[in-house]
Every structure is written in C-alpha cells, then in structure tokens.
Amino acid sequence: MEKNYNYKRWYDAKPYTDEVLGILKSLSLQSHYDIAREVLKVIETIKVTSRDLIEPPLSIGVDRVMGLLNQNYNRRWYDKNLPINRIFKSASSLQDEDFQNIMQGMFTSLKDENGK
C-alpha cells in the first residue's frame, strides 16, 4: 500500500523549514541531540516571555493541531527522530513570527557550520 505524502503540515509551507530539514537529515543523531538541546532552550525562553504578555495568544490554530495529530503516523524521517520531533512539537505552540525566527536562526547557523 502506497502512502500519501502530499499532506502538508502547518510548518511545511514556512520559509526555511525545508532547508533546515534538508541540512539536519545529513547530520548525525548526536548532532540532532546537540541542536535540539539548544533550540529547545530558545523555544522555552520564548514561551516564558509570551506568558508575560498582557494578552497572550489563545489558539495555535487547527492546522497546527492536525499537524501534531498526523505526526503519529510517522510518515517522514524526522517523525521517528526524537530530538528533531521534539523541536517541532515544542515549536508548534509558538506564534508564526517566533517559529519563523527559530527556523531562520537554525538555517543560518546550520548553513554556516556546514558550508552550504
């Protein structure tokens, strides 16, 4: 039975995401853990800061909820990769701008480190 990989998750259309995932795919599992540890610290800092806002956002949106549910199907390589999966699950509750900043920062760092 052939799987349908045409489903777009909430982050699939976001700038830098494909590039970041492409670079991550070529790295070792240990690198994934190292990167995830640092990115998760940044995400947690953003979440703590967001809680202090006068009017914090109330909804992450239907697309993000469905994307989180569909991760359980393990259709993509990073669904089975614990550190990378944790980055996306944790980032799913961020506002779009914050998620974009995370992806752009990861892309810039990874590109510079890997000479791409």
PDB file of N, CA and C in Angstrom:
ATOM      1  N   MET A   1       0.837  -1.182   0.000  1.00  0.00           N
ATOM      2  CA  MET A   1       0.000   0.000   0.000  1.00  0.00           C
ATOM      3  C   MET A   1       0.885   1.250   0.000  1.00  0.00           C
ATOM      4  N   GLU A   2       0.688   2.108  -0.955  1.00  0.00           N
ATOM      5  CA  GLU A   2       1.496   3.323  -1.081  1.00  0.00           C
ATOM      6  C   GLU A   2       0.935   4.412  -0.176  1.00  0.00           C
ATOM      7  N   LYS A   3       1.816   5.086   0.540  1.00  0.00           N
ATOM      8  CA  LYS A   3       1.390   6.152   1.432  1.00  0.00           C
ATOM      9  C   LYS A   3       1.288   7.459   0.670  1.00  0.00           C
ATOM     10  N   ASN A   4       0.376   8.317   1.106  1.00  0.00           N
ATOM     11  CA  ASN A   4       0.201   9.639   0.508  1.00  0.00           C
ATOM     12  C   ASN A   4       1.034  10.641   1.294  1.00  0.00           C
ATOM     13  N   TYR A   5       2.089  11.148   0.691  1.00  0.00           N
ATOM     14  CA  TYR A   5       2.968  12.112   1.350  1.00  0.00           C
ATOM     15  C   TYR A   5       2.662  13.535   0.920  1.00  0.00           C
ATOM     16  N   ASN A   6       1.543  13.748   0.257  1.00  0.00           N
ATOM     17  CA  ASN A   6       1.201  15.083  -0.230  1.00  0.00           C
ATOM     18  C   ASN A   6       0.587  15.958   0.845  1.00  0.00           C
ATOM     19  N   TYR A   7       0.260  15.376   1.992  1.00  0.00           N
ATOM     20  CA  TYR A   7      -0.325  16.151   3.068  1.00  0.00           C
ATOM     21  C   TYR A   7       0.674  17.199   3.546  1.00  0.00           C
ATOM     22  N   LYS A   8       0.221  18.411   3.664  1.00  0.00           N
ATOM     23  CA  LYS A   8       1.088  19.496   4.123  1.00  0.00           C
ATOM     24  C   LYS A   8       0.801  19.774   5.592  1.00  0.00           C
ATOM     25  N   ARG A   9       1.829  19.728   6.383  1.00  0.00           N
ATOM     26  CA  ARG A   9       1.692  20.093   7.786  1.00  0.00           C
ATOM     27  C   ARG A   9       1.809  21.605   7.908  1.00  0.00           C
ATOM     28  N   TRP A  10       1.439  22.128   9.058  1.00  0.00           N
ATOM     29  CA  TRP A  10       1.402  23.573   9.238  1.00  0.00           C
ATOM     30  C   TRP A  10       2.743  24.218   8.954  1.00  0.00           C
ATOM     31  N   TYR A  11       3.840  23.514   9.212  1.00  0.00           N
ATOM     32  CA  TYR A  11       5.163  24.106   9.033  1.00  0.00           C
ATOM     33  C   TYR A  11       5.770  23.837   7.665  1.00  0.00           C
ATOM     34  N   ASP A  12       5.141  22.979   6.862  1.00  0.00           N
ATOM     35  CA  ASP A  12       5.702  22.640   5.555  1.00  0.00           C
ATOM     36  C   ASP A  12       5.831  23.850   4.630  1.00  0.00           C
ATOM     37  N   ALA A  13       4.921  24.783   4.738  1.00  0.00           N
ATOM     38  CA  ALA A  13       4.924  25.938   3.845  1.00  0.00           C
ATOM     39  C   ALA A  13       5.718  27.116   4.406  1.00  0.00           C
ATOM     40  N   LYS A  14       6.283  26.966   5.572  1.00  0.00           N
ATOM     41  CA  LYS A  14       7.005  28.073   6.198  1.00  0.00           C
ATOM     42  C   LYS A  14       8.418  28.188   5.613  1.00  0.00           C
ATOM     43  N   PRO A  15       8.866  29.423   5.393  1.00  0.00           N
ATOM     44  CA  PRO A  15      10.231  29.619   4.880  1.00  0.00           C
ATOM     45  C   PRO A  15      11.274  29.007   5.810  1.00  0.00           C
ATOM     46  N   TYR A  16      12.322  28.507   5.217  1.00  0.00           N
ATOM     47  CA  TYR A  16      13.490  27.917   5.886  1.00  0.00           C
ATOM     48  C   TYR A  16      13.268  26.494   6.394  1.00  0.00           C
ATOM     49  N   THR A  17      12.031  26.057   6.562  1.00  0.00           N
ATOM     50  CA  THR A  17      11.787  24.740   7.145  1.00  0.00           C
ATOM     51  C   THR A  17      12.371  23.628   6.281  1.00  0.00           C
ATOM     52  N   ASP A  18      12.095  23.650   4.981  1.00  0.00           N
ATOM     53  CA  ASP A  18      12.640  22.607   4.093  1.00  0.00           C
ATOM     54  C   ASP A  18      14.157  22.603   4.105  1.00  0.00           C
ATOM     55  N   GLU A  19      14.741  23.790   4.080  1.00  0.00           N
ATOM     56  CA  GLU A  19      16.195  23.896   4.063  1.00  0.00           C
ATOM     57  C   GLU A  19      16.799  23.349   5.360  1.00  0.00           C
ATOM     58  N   VAL A  20      16.184  23.702   6.485  1.00  0.00           N
ATOM     59  CA  VAL A  20      16.662  23.229   7.783  1.00  0.00           C
ATOM     60  C   VAL A  20      16.568  21.710   7.851  1.00  0.00           C
ATOM     61  N   LEU A  21      15.429  21.165   7.445  1.00  0.00           N
ATOM     62  CA  LEU A  21      15.262  19.706   7.485  1.00  0.00           C
ATOM     63  C   LEU A  21      16.238  19.009   6.546  1.00  0.00           C
ATOM     64  N   GLY A  22      16.515  19.616   5.399  1.00  0.00           N
ATOM     65  CA  GLY A  22      17.479  19.038   4.462  1.00  0.00           C
ATOM     66  C   GLY A  22      18.869  18.954   5.062  1.00  0.00           C
ATOM     67  N   ILE A  23      19.285  20.018   5.751  1.00  0.00           N
ATOM     68  CA  ILE A  23      20.607  20.016   6.378  1.00  0.00           C
ATOM     69  C   ILE A  23      20.629  19.024   7.544  1.00  0.00           C
ATOM     70  N   LEU A  24      19.581  19.052   8.367  1.00  0.00           N
ATOM     71  CA  LEU A  24      19.526  18.145   9.516  1.00  0.00           C
ATOM     72  C   LEU A  24      19.589  16.683   9.100  1.00  0.00           C
ATOM     73  N   LYS A  25      18.957  16.370   7.985  1.00  0.00           N
ATOM     74  CA  LYS A  25      18.929  14.975   7.526  1.00  0.00           C
ATOM     75  C   LYS A  25      20.336  14.435   7.277  1.00  0.00           C
ATOM     76  N   SER A  26      21.248  15.312   6.897  1.00  0.00           N
ATOM     77  CA  SER A  26      22.614  14.871   6.590  1.00  0.00           C
ATOM     78  C   SER A  26      23.517  14.792   7.825  1.00  0.00           C
ATOM     79  N   LEU A  27      23.015  15.215   8.974  1.00  0.00           N
ATOM     80  CA  LEU A  27      23.823  15.243  10.191  1.00  0.00           C
ATOM     81  C   LEU A  27      23.621  13.978  11.019  1.00  0.00           C
ATOM     82  N   SER A  28      24.519  13.760  11.951  1.00  0.00           N
ATOM     83  CA  SER A  28      24.456  12.580  12.820  1.00  0.00           C
ATOM     84  C   SER A  28      23.374  12.741  13.883  1.00  0.00           C
ATOM     85  N   LEU A  29      22.976  11.618  14.456  1.00  0.00           N
ATOM     86  CA  LEU A  29      21.995  11.639  15.530  1.00  0.00           C
ATOM     87  C   LEU A  29      22.514  12.442  16.722  1.00  0.00           C
ATOM     88  N   GLN A  30      23.801  12.326  17.025  1.00  0.00           N
ATOM     89  CA  GLN A  30      24.370  13.109  18.129  1.00  0.00           C
ATOM     90  C   GLN A  30      24.232  14.602  17.852  1.00  0.00           C
ATOM     91  N   SER A  31      24.458  15.010  16.606  1.00  0.00           N
ATOM     92  CA  SER A  31      24.269  16.417  16.240  1.00  0.00           C
ATOM     93  C   SER A  31      22.823  16.831  16.435  1.00  0.00           C
ATOM     94  N   HIS A  32      21.887  15.941  16.097  1.00  0.00           N
ATOM     95  CA  HIS A  32      20.467  16.249  16.288  1.00  0.00           C
ATOM     96  C   HIS A  32      20.176  16.516  17.761  1.00  0.00           C
ATOM     97  N   TYR A  33      20.738  15.689  18.648  1.00  0.00           N
ATOM     98  CA  TYR A  33      20.531  15.900  20.081  1.00  0.00           C
ATOM     99  C   TYR A  33      21.156  17.216  20.543  1.00  0.00           C
ATOM    100  N   ASP A  34      22.343  17.519  20.065  1.00  0.00           N
ATOM    101  CA  ASP A  34      23.015  18.765  20.450  1.00  0.00           C
ATOM    102  C   ASP A  34      22.225  19.985  19.988  1.00  0.00           C
ATOM    103  N   ILE A  35      21.762  19.942  18.744  1.00  0.00           N
ATOM    104  CA  ILE A  35      20.996  21.051  18.178  1.00  0.00           C
ATOM    105  C   ILE A  35      19.671  21.189  18.913  1.00  0.00           C
ATOM    106  N   ALA A  36      18.992  20.078  19.127  1.00  0.00           N
ATOM    107  CA  ALA A  36      17.692  20.118  19.801  1.00  0.00           C
ATOM    108  C   ALA A  36      17.816  20.703  21.205  1.00  0.00           C
ATOM    109  N   ARG A  37      18.844  20.317  21.918  1.00  0.00           N
ATOM    110  CA  ARG A  37      19.035  20.840  23.277  1.00  0.00           C
ATOM    111  C   ARG A  37      19.079  22.372  23.261  1.00  0.00           C
ATOM    112  N   GLU A  38      19.822  22.944  22.334  1.00  0.00           N
ATOM    113  CA  GLU A  38      19.951  24.402  22.274  1.00  0.00           C
ATOM    114  C   GLU A  38      18.681  25.073  21.752  1.00  0.00           C
ATOM    115  N   VAL A  39      18.075  24.500  20.729  1.00  0.00           N
ATOM    116  CA  VAL A  39      16.861  25.091  20.162  1.00  0.00           C
ATOM    117  C   VAL A  39      15.718  25.023  21.170  1.00  0.00           C
ATOM    118  N   LEU A  40      15.609  23.925  21.893  1.00  0.00           N
ATOM    119  CA  LEU A  40      14.548  23.801  22.895  1.00  0.00           C
ATOM    120  C   LEU A  40      14.714  24.822  24.022  1.00  0.00           C
ATOM    121  N   LYS A  41      15.937  25.175  24.355  1.00  0.00           N
ATOM    122  CA  LYS A  41      16.169  26.240  25.346  1.00  0.00           C
ATOM    123  C   LYS A  41      15.616  27.565  24.842  1.00  0.00           C
ATOM    124  N   VAL A  42      15.850  27.863  23.563  1.00  0.00           N
ATOM    125  CA  VAL A  42      15.360  29.108  22.974  1.00  0.00           C
ATOM    126  C   VAL A  42      13.830  29.106  22.940  1.00  0.00           C
ATOM    127  N   ILE A  43      13.250  27.983  22.532  1.00  0.00           N
ATOM    128  CA  ILE A  43      11.794  27.882  22.464  1.00  0.00           C
ATOM    129  C   ILE A  43      11.191  28.078  23.849  1.00  0.00           C
ATOM    130  N   GLU A  44      11.777  27.467  24.863  1.00  0.00           N
ATOM    131  CA  GLU A  44      11.260  27.620  26.226  1.00  0.00           C
ATOM    132  C   GLU A  44      11.354  29.069  26.677  1.00  0.00           C
ATOM    133  N   THR A  45      12.428  29.752  26.337  1.00  0.00           N
ATOM    134  CA  THR A  45      12.571  31.167  26.684  1.00  0.00           C
ATOM    135  C   THR A  45      11.477  31.996  26.023  1.00  0.00           C
ATOM    136  N   ILE A  46      11.197  31.716  24.769  1.00  0.00           N
ATOM    137  CA  ILE A  46      10.131  32.432  24.059  1.00  0.00           C
ATOM    138  C   ILE A  46       8.790  32.166  24.726  1.00  0.00           C
ATOM    139  N   LYS A  47       8.532  30.927  25.102  1.00  0.00           N
ATOM    140  CA  LYS A  47       7.256  30.584  25.744  1.00  0.00           C
ATOM    141  C   LYS A  47       7.099  31.302  27.081  1.00  0.00           C
ATOM    142  N   VAL A  48       8.154  31.340  27.864  1.00  0.00           N
ATOM    143  CA  VAL A  48       8.099  32.029  29.159  1.00  0.00           C
ATOM    144  C   VAL A  48       7.839  33.515  28.949  1.00  0.00           C
ATOM    145  N   THR A  49       8.518  34.093  27.988  1.00  0.00           N
ATOM    146  CA  THR A  49       8.334  35.514  27.687  1.00  0.00           C
ATOM    147  C   THR A  49       6.911  35.784  27.214  1.00  0.00           C
ATOM    148  N   SER A  50       6.352  34.884  26.412  1.00  0.00           N
ATOM    149  CA  SER A  50       4.986  35.056  25.900  1.00  0.00           C
ATOM    150  C   SER A  50       3.955  35.009  27.018  1.00  0.00           C
ATOM    151  N   ARG A  51       4.223  34.223  28.038  1.00  0.00           N
ATOM    152  CA  ARG A  51       3.289  34.142  29.167  1.00  0.00           C
ATOM    153  C   ARG A  51       3.175  35.475  29.894  1.00  0.00           C
ATOM    154  N   ASP A  52       4.218  36.279  29.808  1.00  0.00           N
ATOM    155  CA  ASP A  52       4.234  37.557  30.498  1.00  0.00           C
ATOM    156  C   ASP A  52       3.536  38.667  29.718  1.00  0.00           C
ATOM    157  N   LEU A  53       3.096  38.381  28.490  1.00  0.00           N
ATOM    158  CA  LEU A  53       2.411  39.386  27.694  1.00  0.00           C
ATOM    159  C   LEU A  53       1.059  39.714  28.315  1.00  0.00           C
ATOM    160  N   ILE A  54       0.616  40.943  28.098  1.00  0.00           N
ATOM    161  CA  ILE A  54      -0.675  41.358  28.650  1.00  0.00           C
ATOM    162  C   ILE A  54      -1.796  40.503  28.069  1.00  0.00           C
ATOM    163  N   GLU A  55      -1.764  40.274  26.755  1.00  0.00           N
ATOM    164  CA  GLU A  55      -2.769  39.437  26.111  1.00  0.00           C
ATOM    165  C   GLU A  55      -2.073  38.311  25.342  1.00  0.00           C
ATOM    166  N   PRO A  56      -1.711  37.218  26.032  1.00  0.00           N
ATOM    167  CA  PRO A  56      -1.052  36.112  25.331  1.00  0.00           C
ATOM    168  C   PRO A  56      -1.998  35.479  24.317  1.00  0.00           C
ATOM    169  N   PRO A  57      -1.449  34.931  23.234  1.00  0.00           N
ATOM    170  CA  PRO A  57      -2.297  34.285  22.230  1.00  0.00           C
ATOM    171  C   PRO A  57      -3.033  33.088  22.824  1.00  0.00           C
ATOM    172  N   LEU A  58      -4.276  32.881  22.377  1.00  0.00           N
ATOM    173  CA  LEU A  58      -5.090  31.817  22.944  1.00  0.00           C
ATOM    174  C   LEU A  58      -5.138  30.554  22.102  1.00  0.00           C
ATOM    175  N   SER A  59      -4.892  30.653  20.802  1.00  0.00           N
ATOM    176  CA  SER A  59      -5.066  29.498  19.938  1.00  0.00           C
ATOM    177  C   SER A  59      -3.837  29.279  19.065  1.00  0.00           C
ATOM    178  N   ILE A  60      -3.519  28.005  18.822  1.00  0.00           N
ATOM    179  CA  ILE A  60      -2.424  27.697  17.903  1.00  0.00           C
ATOM    180  C   ILE A  60      -2.956  27.385  16.516  1.00  0.00           C
ATOM    181  N   GLY A  61      -4.257  27.228  16.383  1.00  0.00           N
ATOM    182  CA  GLY A  61      -4.880  27.015  15.090  1.00  0.00           C
ATOM    183  C   GLY A  61      -5.103  25.552  14.744  1.00  0.00           C
ATOM    184  N   VAL A  62      -6.083  25.324  13.901  1.00  0.00           N
ATOM    185  CA  VAL A  62      -6.480  23.982  13.505  1.00  0.00           C
ATOM    186  C   VAL A  62      -5.359  23.275  12.746  1.00  0.00           C
ATOM    187  N   ASP A  63      -4.667  23.987  11.845  1.00  0.00           N
ATOM    188  CA  ASP A  63      -3.598  23.368  11.067  1.00  0.00           C
ATOM    189  C   ASP A  63      -2.515  22.781  11.967  1.00  0.00           C
ATOM    190  N   ARG A  64      -2.176  23.493  13.011  1.00  0.00           N
ATOM    191  CA  ARG A  64      -1.133  23.002  13.914  1.00  0.00           C
ATOM    192  C   ARG A  64      -1.609  21.801  14.714  1.00  0.00           C
ATOM    193  N   VAL A  65      -2.844  21.832  15.168  1.00  0.00           N
ATOM    194  CA  VAL A  65      -3.385  20.697  15.913  1.00  0.00           C
ATOM    195  C   VAL A  65      -3.412  19.464  15.017  1.00  0.00           C
ATOM    196  N   MET A  66      -3.875  19.623  13.781  1.00  0.00           N
ATOM    197  CA  MET A  66      -3.918  18.485  12.855  1.00  0.00           C
ATOM    198  C   MET A  66      -2.507  17.993  12.535  1.00  0.00           C
ATOM    199  N   GLY A  67      -1.565  18.905  12.395  1.00  0.00           N
ATOM    200  CA  GLY A  67      -0.181  18.514  12.135  1.00  0.00           C
ATOM    201  C   GLY A  67       0.396  17.694  13.272  1.00  0.00           C
ATOM    202  N   LEU A  68       0.083  18.071  14.489  1.00  0.00           N
ATOM    203  CA  LEU A  68       0.551  17.310  15.648  1.00  0.00           C
ATOM    204  C   LEU A  68      -0.075  15.925  15.680  1.00  0.00           C
ATOM    205  N   LEU A  69      -1.349  15.844  15.356  1.00  0.00           N
ATOM    206  CA  LEU A  69      -2.009  14.542  15.321  1.00  0.00           C
ATOM    207  C   LEU A  69      -1.429  13.653  14.231  1.00  0.00           C
ATOM    208  N   ASN A  70      -1.140  14.241  13.081  1.00  0.00           N
ATOM    209  CA  ASN A  70      -0.615  13.458  11.961  1.00  0.00           C
ATOM    210  C   ASN A  70       0.837  13.038  12.165  1.00  0.00           C
ATOM    211  N   GLN A  71       1.535  13.647  13.093  1.00  0.00           N
ATOM    212  CA  GLN A  71       2.898  13.202  13.381  1.00  0.00           C
ATOM    213  C   GLN A  71       2.899  11.770  13.873  1.00  0.00           C
ATOM    214  N   ASN A  72       1.807  11.352  14.454  1.00  0.00           N
ATOM    215  CA  ASN A  72       1.719   9.987  14.979  1.00  0.00           C
ATOM    216  C   ASN A  72       1.781   8.934  13.881  1.00  0.00           C
ATOM    217  N   TYR A  73       1.569   9.334  12.627  1.00  0.00           N
ATOM    218  CA  TYR A  73       1.625   8.376  11.527  1.00  0.00           C
ATOM    219  C   TYR A  73       3.056   8.072  11.106  1.00  0.00           C
ATOM    220  N   ASN A  74       4.006   8.848  11.588  1.00  0.00           N
ATOM    221  CA  ASN A  74       5.427   8.624  11.292  1.00  0.00           C
ATOM    222  C   ASN A  74       5.702   8.489   9.791  1.00  0.00           C
ATOM    223  N   ARG A  75       5.193   9.422   9.026  1.00  0.00           N
ATOM    224  CA  ARG A  75       5.369   9.380   7.580  1.00  0.00           C
ATOM    225  C   ARG A  75       6.697   9.956   7.114  1.00  0.00           C
ATOM    226  N   ARG A  76       7.297  10.780   7.913  1.00  0.00           N
ATOM    227  CA  ARG A  76       8.524  11.443   7.489  1.00  0.00           C
ATOM    228  C   ARG A  76       9.681  11.003   8.376  1.00  0.00           C
ATOM    229  N   TRP A  77      10.892  11.133   7.857  1.00  0.00           N
ATOM    230  CA  TRP A  77      12.067  10.647   8.586  1.00  0.00           C
ATOM    231  C   TRP A  77      12.187  11.292   9.958  1.00  0.00           C
ATOM    232  N   TYR A  78      11.839  12.558  10.067  1.00  0.00           N
ATOM    233  CA  TYR A  78      12.028  13.266  11.335  1.00  0.00           C
ATOM    234  C   TYR A  78      10.930  12.965  12.343  1.00  0.00           C
ATOM    235  N   ASP A  79       9.853  12.313  11.918  1.00  0.00           N
ATOM    236  CA  ASP A  79       8.837  11.891  12.878  1.00  0.00           C
ATOM    237  C   ASP A  79       9.391  10.813  13.809  1.00  0.00           C
ATOM    238  N   LYS A  80      10.318  10.027  13.300  1.00  0.00           N
ATOM    239  CA  LYS A  80      10.910   8.937  14.076  1.00  0.00           C
ATOM    240  C   LYS A  80      12.201   9.362  14.773  1.00  0.00           C
ATOM    241  N   ASN A  81      12.599  10.588  14.565  1.00  0.00           N
ATOM    242  CA  ASN A  81      13.843  11.119  15.111  1.00  0.00           C
ATOM    243  C   ASN A  81      13.486  11.946  16.344  1.00  0.00           C
ATOM    244  N   LEU A  82      13.705  11.394  17.520  1.00  0.00           N
ATOM    245  CA  LEU A  82      13.248  12.023  18.763  1.00  0.00           C
ATOM    246  C   LEU A  82      13.671  13.486  18.923  1.00  0.00           C
ATOM    247  N   PRO A  83      14.941  13.832  18.760  1.00  0.00           N
ATOM    248  CA  PRO A  83      15.299  15.234  19.001  1.00  0.00           C
ATOM    249  C   PRO A  83      14.656  16.204  18.007  1.00  0.00           C
ATOM    250  N   ILE A  84      14.602  15.835  16.741  1.00  0.00           N
ATOM    251  CA  ILE A  84      14.013  16.737  15.743  1.00  0.00           C
ATOM    252  C   ILE A  84      12.503  16.811  15.938  1.00  0.00           C
ATOM    253  N   ASN A  85      11.901  15.695  16.239  1.00  0.00           N
ATOM    254  CA  ASN A  85      10.470  15.660  16.503  1.00  0.00           C
ATOM    255  C   ASN A  85      10.123  16.568  17.688  1.00  0.00           C
ATOM    256  N   ARG A  86      10.947  16.540  18.711  1.00  0.00           N
ATOM    257  CA  ARG A  86      10.700  17.386  19.899  1.00  0.00           C
ATOM    258  C   ARG A  86      10.769  18.868  19.552  1.00  0.00           C
ATOM    259  N   ILE A  87      11.674  19.235  18.652  1.00  0.00           N
ATOM    260  CA  ILE A  87      11.755  20.638  18.241  1.00  0.00           C
ATOM    261  C   ILE A  87      10.421  21.076  17.643  1.00  0.00           C
ATOM    262  N   PHE A  88       9.895  20.288  16.706  1.00  0.00           N
ATOM    263  CA  PHE A  88       8.661  20.688  16.033  1.00  0.00           C
ATOM    264  C   PHE A  88       7.455  20.622  16.957  1.00  0.00           C
ATOM    265  N   LYS A  89       7.392  19.637  17.823  1.00  0.00           N
ATOM    266  CA  LYS A  89       6.277  19.578  18.774  1.00  0.00           C
ATOM    267  C   LYS A  89       6.318  20.777  19.718  1.00  0.00           C
ATOM    268  N   SER A  90       7.491  21.101  20.197  1.00  0.00           N
ATOM    269  CA  SER A  90       7.620  22.223  21.117  1.00  0.00           C
ATOM    270  C   SER A  90       7.344  23.548  20.406  1.00  0.00           C
ATOM    271  N   ALA A  91       7.817  23.678  19.184  1.00  0.00           N
ATOM    272  CA  ALA A  91       7.629  24.920  18.426  1.00  0.00           C
ATOM    273  C   ALA A  91       6.195  25.091  17.947  1.00  0.00           C
ATOM    274  N   SER A  92       5.405  24.031  17.985  1.00  0.00           N
ATOM    275  CA  SER A  92       4.041  24.109  17.465  1.00  0.00           C
ATOM    276  C   SER A  92       3.162  25.095  18.223  1.00  0.00           C
ATOM    277  N   SER A  93       3.507  25.400  19.457  1.00  0.00           N
ATOM    278  CA  SER A  93       2.695  26.339  20.226  1.00  0.00           C
ATOM    279  C   SER A  93       3.198  27.776  20.124  1.00  0.00           C
ATOM    280  N   LEU A  94       4.241  27.991  19.351  1.00  0.00           N
ATOM    281  CA  LEU A  94       4.757  29.347  19.155  1.00  0.00           C
ATOM    282  C   LEU A  94       3.919  30.098  18.123  1.00  0.00           C
ATOM    283  N   GLN A  95       3.940  31.397  18.219  1.00  0.00           N
ATOM    284  CA  GLN A  95       3.321  32.220  17.184  1.00  0.00           C
ATOM    285  C   GLN A  95       4.145  32.089  15.901  1.00  0.00           C
ATOM    286  N   ASP A  96       3.512  32.360  14.756  1.00  0.00           N
ATOM    287  CA  ASP A  96       4.186  32.222  13.464  1.00  0.00           C
ATOM    288  C   ASP A  96       5.512  32.972  13.403  1.00  0.00           C
ATOM    289  N   GLU A  97       5.516  34.202  13.877  1.00  0.00           N
ATOM    290  CA  GLU A  97       6.735  35.012  13.819  1.00  0.00           C
ATOM    291  C   GLU A  97       7.864  34.369  14.629  1.00  0.00           C
ATOM    292  N   ASP A  98       7.534  33.851  15.786  1.00  0.00           N
ATOM    293  CA  ASP A  98       8.545  33.201  16.626  1.00  0.00           C
ATOM    294  C   ASP A  98       9.055  31.916  15.964  1.00  0.00           C
ATOM    295  N   PHE A  99       8.139  31.136  15.382  1.00  0.00           N
ATOM    296  CA  PHE A  99       8.557  29.925  14.677  1.00  0.00           C
ATOM    297  C   PHE A  99       9.478  30.283  13.516  1.00  0.00           C
ATOM    298  N   GLN A 100       9.112  31.343  12.778  1.00  0.00           N
ATOM    299  CA  GLN A 100       9.942  31.779  11.652  1.00  0.00           C
ATOM    300  C   GLN A 100      11.333  32.183  12.129  1.00  0.00           C
ATOM    301  N   ASN A 101      11.405  32.873  13.228  1.00  0.00           N
ATOM    302  CA  ASN A 101      12.701  33.282  13.771  1.00  0.00           C
ATOM    303  C   ASN A 101      13.541  32.070  14.158  1.00  0.00           C
ATOM    304  N   ILE A 102      12.912  31.059  14.728  1.00  0.00           N
ATOM    305  CA  ILE A 102      13.625  29.822  15.084  1.00  0.00           C
ATOM    306  C   ILE A 102      14.179  29.160  13.827  1.00  0.00           C
ATOM    307  N   MET A 103      13.329  29.003  12.816  1.00  0.00           N
ATOM    308  CA  MET A 103      13.766  28.332  11.578  1.00  0.00           C
ATOM    309  C   MET A 103      14.862  29.130  10.868  1.00  0.00           C
ATOM    310  N   GLN A 104      14.709  30.445  10.823  1.00  0.00           N
ATOM    311  CA  GLN A 104      15.729  31.269  10.175  1.00  0.00           C
ATOM    312  C   GLN A 104      17.046  31.187  10.936  1.00  0.00           C
ATOM    313  N   GLY A 105      16.970  31.224  12.266  1.00  0.00           N
ATOM    314  CA  GLY A 105      18.186  31.107  13.070  1.00  0.00           C
ATOM    315  C   GLY A 105      18.856  29.761  12.896  1.00  0.00           C
ATOM    316  N   MET A 106      18.062  28.696  12.864  1.00  0.00           N
ATOM    317  CA  MET A 106      18.627  27.369  12.649  1.00  0.00           C
ATOM    318  C   MET A 106      19.277  27.282  11.273  1.00  0.00           C
ATOM    319  N   PHE A 107      18.583  27.806  10.262  1.00  0.00           N
ATOM    320  CA  PHE A 107      19.123  27.759   8.911  1.00  0.00           C
ATOM    321  C   PHE A 107      20.456  28.492   8.826  1.00  0.00           C
ATOM    322  N   THR A 108      20.494  29.682   9.373  1.00  0.00           N
ATOM    323  CA  THR A 108      21.719  30.478   9.333  1.00  0.00           C
ATOM    324  C   THR A 108      22.856  29.760  10.040  1.00  0.00           C
ATOM    325  N   SER A 109      22.592  29.225  11.209  1.00  0.00           N
ATOM    326  CA  SER A 109      23.621  28.506  11.970  1.00  0.00           C
ATOM    327  C   SER A 109      24.085  27.248  11.271  1.00  0.00           C
ATOM    328  N   LEU A 110      23.127  26.459  10.808  1.00  0.00           N
ATOM    329  CA  LEU A 110      23.464  25.187  10.166  1.00  0.00           C
ATOM    330  C   LEU A 110      24.167  25.407   8.839  1.00  0.00           C
ATOM    331  N   LYS A 111      23.733  26.410   8.100  1.00  0.00           N
ATOM    332  CA  LYS A 111      24.348  26.711   6.810  1.00  0.00           C
ATOM    333  C   LYS A 111      25.789  27.130   7.010  1.00  0.00           C
ATOM    334  N   ASP A 112      26.039  27.977   7.991  1.00  0.00           N
ATOM    335  CA  ASP A 112      27.398  28.449   8.264  1.00  0.00           C
ATOM    336  C   ASP A 112      28.295  27.308   8.739  1.00  0.00           C
ATOM    337  N   GLU A 113      27.741  26.424   9.580  1.00  0.00           N
ATOM    338  CA  GLU A 113      28.513  25.302  10.107  1.00  0.00           C
ATOM    339  C   GLU A 113      28.856  24.263   9.042  1.00  0.00           C
ATOM    340  N   ASN A 114      27.950  24.110   8.092  1.00  0.00           N
ATOM    341  CA  ASN A 114      28.114  23.066   7.069  1.00  0.00           C
ATOM    342  C   ASN A 114      28.594  23.599   5.730  1.00  0.00           C
ATOM    343  N   GLY A 115      28.881  24.889   5.668  1.00  0.00           N
ATOM    344  CA  GLY A 115      29.424  25.478   4.452  1.00  0.00           C
ATOM    345  C   GLY A 115      28.488  25.417   3.267  1.00  0.00           C
ATOM    346  N   LYS A 116      27.199  25.427   3.517  1.00  0.00           N
ATOM    347  CA  LYS A 116      26.221  25.361   2.422  1.00  0.00           C
ATOM    348  C   LYS A 116      25.713  26.714   2.080  1.00  0.00           C
TER     349      LYS A 116
END
